[in-house]
Amino acid sequence: MDQEELLNRIKNKEDKIKEFGDILDSIENTGDKKKMLWKEIYENAVSDRENAYILFHEAYSNMMKSAAEHITVGPILNKYLERMNKANDQLIKLSELISKAEEQATKIDPEDIFSQIKES
C-alpha cells in the first residue's frame, strides 16, 4: 500500500466519522453522553477495521513471496480478518441501537398529544 492510498483511507475514515456525528446530531431526545459514547464506539470500530485492513494488506503482500511465507503469515491473516469482522459486528450492533433511538424519538405518544390538546 503506497503512501497516497494510505492518506486517502485516513481522510475517508475522517469523513465517515464526521458524517456519523452529523447523523447523531440529527437524533432528538437522545442525551449528549450517549451520543458521545456512540461516536467513540464508531470511531474505534472504524479505526480497528482500517488498521486491520492495512496490516492484512501488508501481510498478504509478503505472503505472496513464497510458500514458506504463506505458512507463516496465514494464521496472522486470519487474525486480521477476525478483527475486521468484529469491527463490522460492532458497527451493526451500533446501527441497531441508533435505529431504536430514532424509533423512540419519532414515536407518537397518545397521552402526550392529549396533554397538548388540553393545554391549547
Protein backbone atom coordinates (compact mmCIF):
# COMPACT_ATOMS: atom_id res chain seq x y z
CA MET A 1 0.00 0.00 0.00
CA ASP A 2 1.54 3.27 -1.04
CA GLN A 3 1.57 6.50 0.96
CA GLU A 4 -1.12 8.20 -1.14
CA GLU A 5 -3.56 5.31 -0.75
CA LEU A 6 -2.96 5.29 3.00
CA LEU A 7 -3.62 9.04 3.23
CA ASN A 8 -6.82 8.62 1.20
CA ARG A 9 -8.01 5.87 3.56
CA ILE A 10 -7.33 8.10 6.58
CA LYS A 11 -9.20 11.03 5.01
CA ASN A 12 -12.08 8.73 4.08
CA LYS A 13 -12.21 7.48 7.68
CA GLU A 14 -12.32 11.05 9.00
CA ASP A 15 -15.13 11.88 6.57
CA LYS A 16 -17.10 8.83 7.73
CA ILE A 17 -16.69 9.84 11.36
CA LYS A 18 -17.86 13.39 10.63
CA GLU A 19 -20.91 12.09 8.72
CA PHE A 20 -21.70 9.75 11.59
CA GLY A 21 -21.50 12.69 14.00
CA ASP A 22 -23.97 14.56 11.80
CA ILE A 23 -26.35 11.60 11.94
CA LEU A 24 -26.12 11.54 15.72
CA ASP A 25 -26.75 15.28 15.91
CA SER A 26 -29.98 14.82 13.95
CA ILE A 27 -31.40 12.42 16.54
CA GLU A 28 -33.53 14.28 19.05
CA ASN A 29 -34.33 13.14 22.58
CA THR A 30 -31.04 11.31 23.00
CA GLY A 31 -28.56 12.50 25.59
CA ASP A 32 -25.24 14.02 24.63
CA LYS A 33 -23.36 11.46 26.73
CA LYS A 34 -24.97 8.61 24.83
CA LYS A 35 -24.20 10.28 21.50
CA MET A 36 -20.59 10.83 22.57
CA LEU A 37 -20.28 7.16 23.56
CA TRP A 38 -21.80 6.03 20.25
CA LYS A 39 -19.41 8.23 18.33
CA GLU A 40 -16.46 6.83 20.26
CA ILE A 41 -17.64 3.28 19.56
CA TYR A 42 -17.97 4.14 15.89
CA GLU A 43 -14.52 5.74 15.74
CA ASN A 44 -12.93 2.74 17.46
CA ALA A 45 -14.66 0.21 15.21
CA VAL A 46 -13.76 2.09 12.02
CA SER A 47 -10.17 2.55 13.21
CA ASP A 48 -9.88 -1.13 14.17
CA ARG A 49 -11.21 -2.15 10.78
CA GLU A 50 -8.89 0.20 8.89
CA ASN A 51 -5.83 -0.78 10.91
CA ALA A 52 -6.57 -4.47 10.46
CA TYR A 53 -7.05 -3.88 6.72
CA ILE A 54 -3.70 -2.11 6.42
CA LEU A 55 -1.91 -4.86 8.33
CA PHE A 56 -3.77 -7.52 6.36
CA HIS A 57 -2.76 -5.92 3.10
CA GLU A 58 0.89 -5.75 4.16
CA ALA A 59 0.94 -9.36 5.39
CA TYR A 60 -0.87 -10.56 2.26
CA SER A 61 1.70 -8.86 0.04
CA ASN A 62 4.51 -10.58 1.96
CA MET A 63 2.75 -13.92 1.84
CA MET A 64 2.80 -13.96 -1.95
CA LYS A 65 6.60 -14.21 -1.99
CA SER A 66 6.91 -17.91 -1.12
CA ALA A 67 5.10 -20.96 0.20
CA ALA A 68 7.03 -20.70 3.48
CA GLU A 69 5.71 -17.15 3.93
CA HIS A 70 2.21 -18.45 3.27
CA ILE A 71 2.55 -20.96 6.11
CA THR A 72 3.95 -18.34 8.46
CA VAL A 73 1.64 -15.45 7.59
CA GLY A 74 -1.60 -17.40 7.02
CA PRO A 75 -2.65 -17.54 10.70
CA ILE A 76 -1.84 -13.84 11.10
CA LEU A 77 -4.07 -13.00 8.14
CA ASN A 78 -6.84 -14.97 9.81
CA LYS A 79 -6.49 -12.85 12.96
CA TYR A 80 -6.73 -9.63 10.92
CA LEU A 81 -9.86 -10.92 9.20
CA GLU A 82 -11.36 -11.77 12.58
CA ARG A 83 -10.59 -8.25 13.83
CA MET A 84 -12.26 -6.71 10.76
CA ASN A 85 -15.28 -8.97 11.28
CA LYS A 86 -15.57 -7.98 14.97
CA ALA A 87 -15.41 -4.32 13.96
CA ASN A 88 -18.19 -4.92 11.44
CA ASP A 89 -20.27 -6.65 14.14
CA GLN A 90 -19.77 -3.64 16.42
CA LEU A 91 -20.96 -1.31 13.68
CA ILE A 92 -24.03 -3.44 13.04
CA LYS A 93 -24.89 -3.51 16.75
CA LEU A 94 -24.37 0.25 16.95
CA SER A 95 -26.67 0.84 13.99
CA GLU A 96 -29.35 -1.23 15.74
CA LEU A 97 -29.04 0.91 18.88
CA ILE A 98 -29.30 4.11 16.87
CA SER A 99 -32.25 2.79 14.90
CA LYS A 100 -34.07 2.05 18.16
CA ALA A 101 -33.28 5.54 19.43
CA GLU A 102 -34.63 7.07 16.23
CA GLU A 103 -37.81 5.00 16.56
CA GLN A 104 -38.28 6.21 20.12
CA ALA A 105 -37.75 9.82 19.02
CA THR A 106 -40.41 9.57 16.32
CA LYS A 107 -42.85 7.51 18.39
CA ILE A 108 -46.13 9.31 18.98
CA ASP A 109 -47.45 9.03 22.49
CA PRO A 110 -51.27 9.41 22.58
CA GLU A 111 -51.13 10.75 26.15
CA ASP A 112 -48.67 13.42 25.05
CA ILE A 113 -50.97 14.51 22.21
CA PHE A 114 -53.95 14.58 24.56
CA SER A 115 -52.00 16.74 27.04
CA GLN A 116 -51.04 19.18 24.29
CA ILE A 117 -54.65 19.44 23.14
CA LYS A 118 -55.85 20.11 26.70
CA GLU A 119 -53.28 22.89 27.11
CA SER A 120 -54.41 24.66 23.95
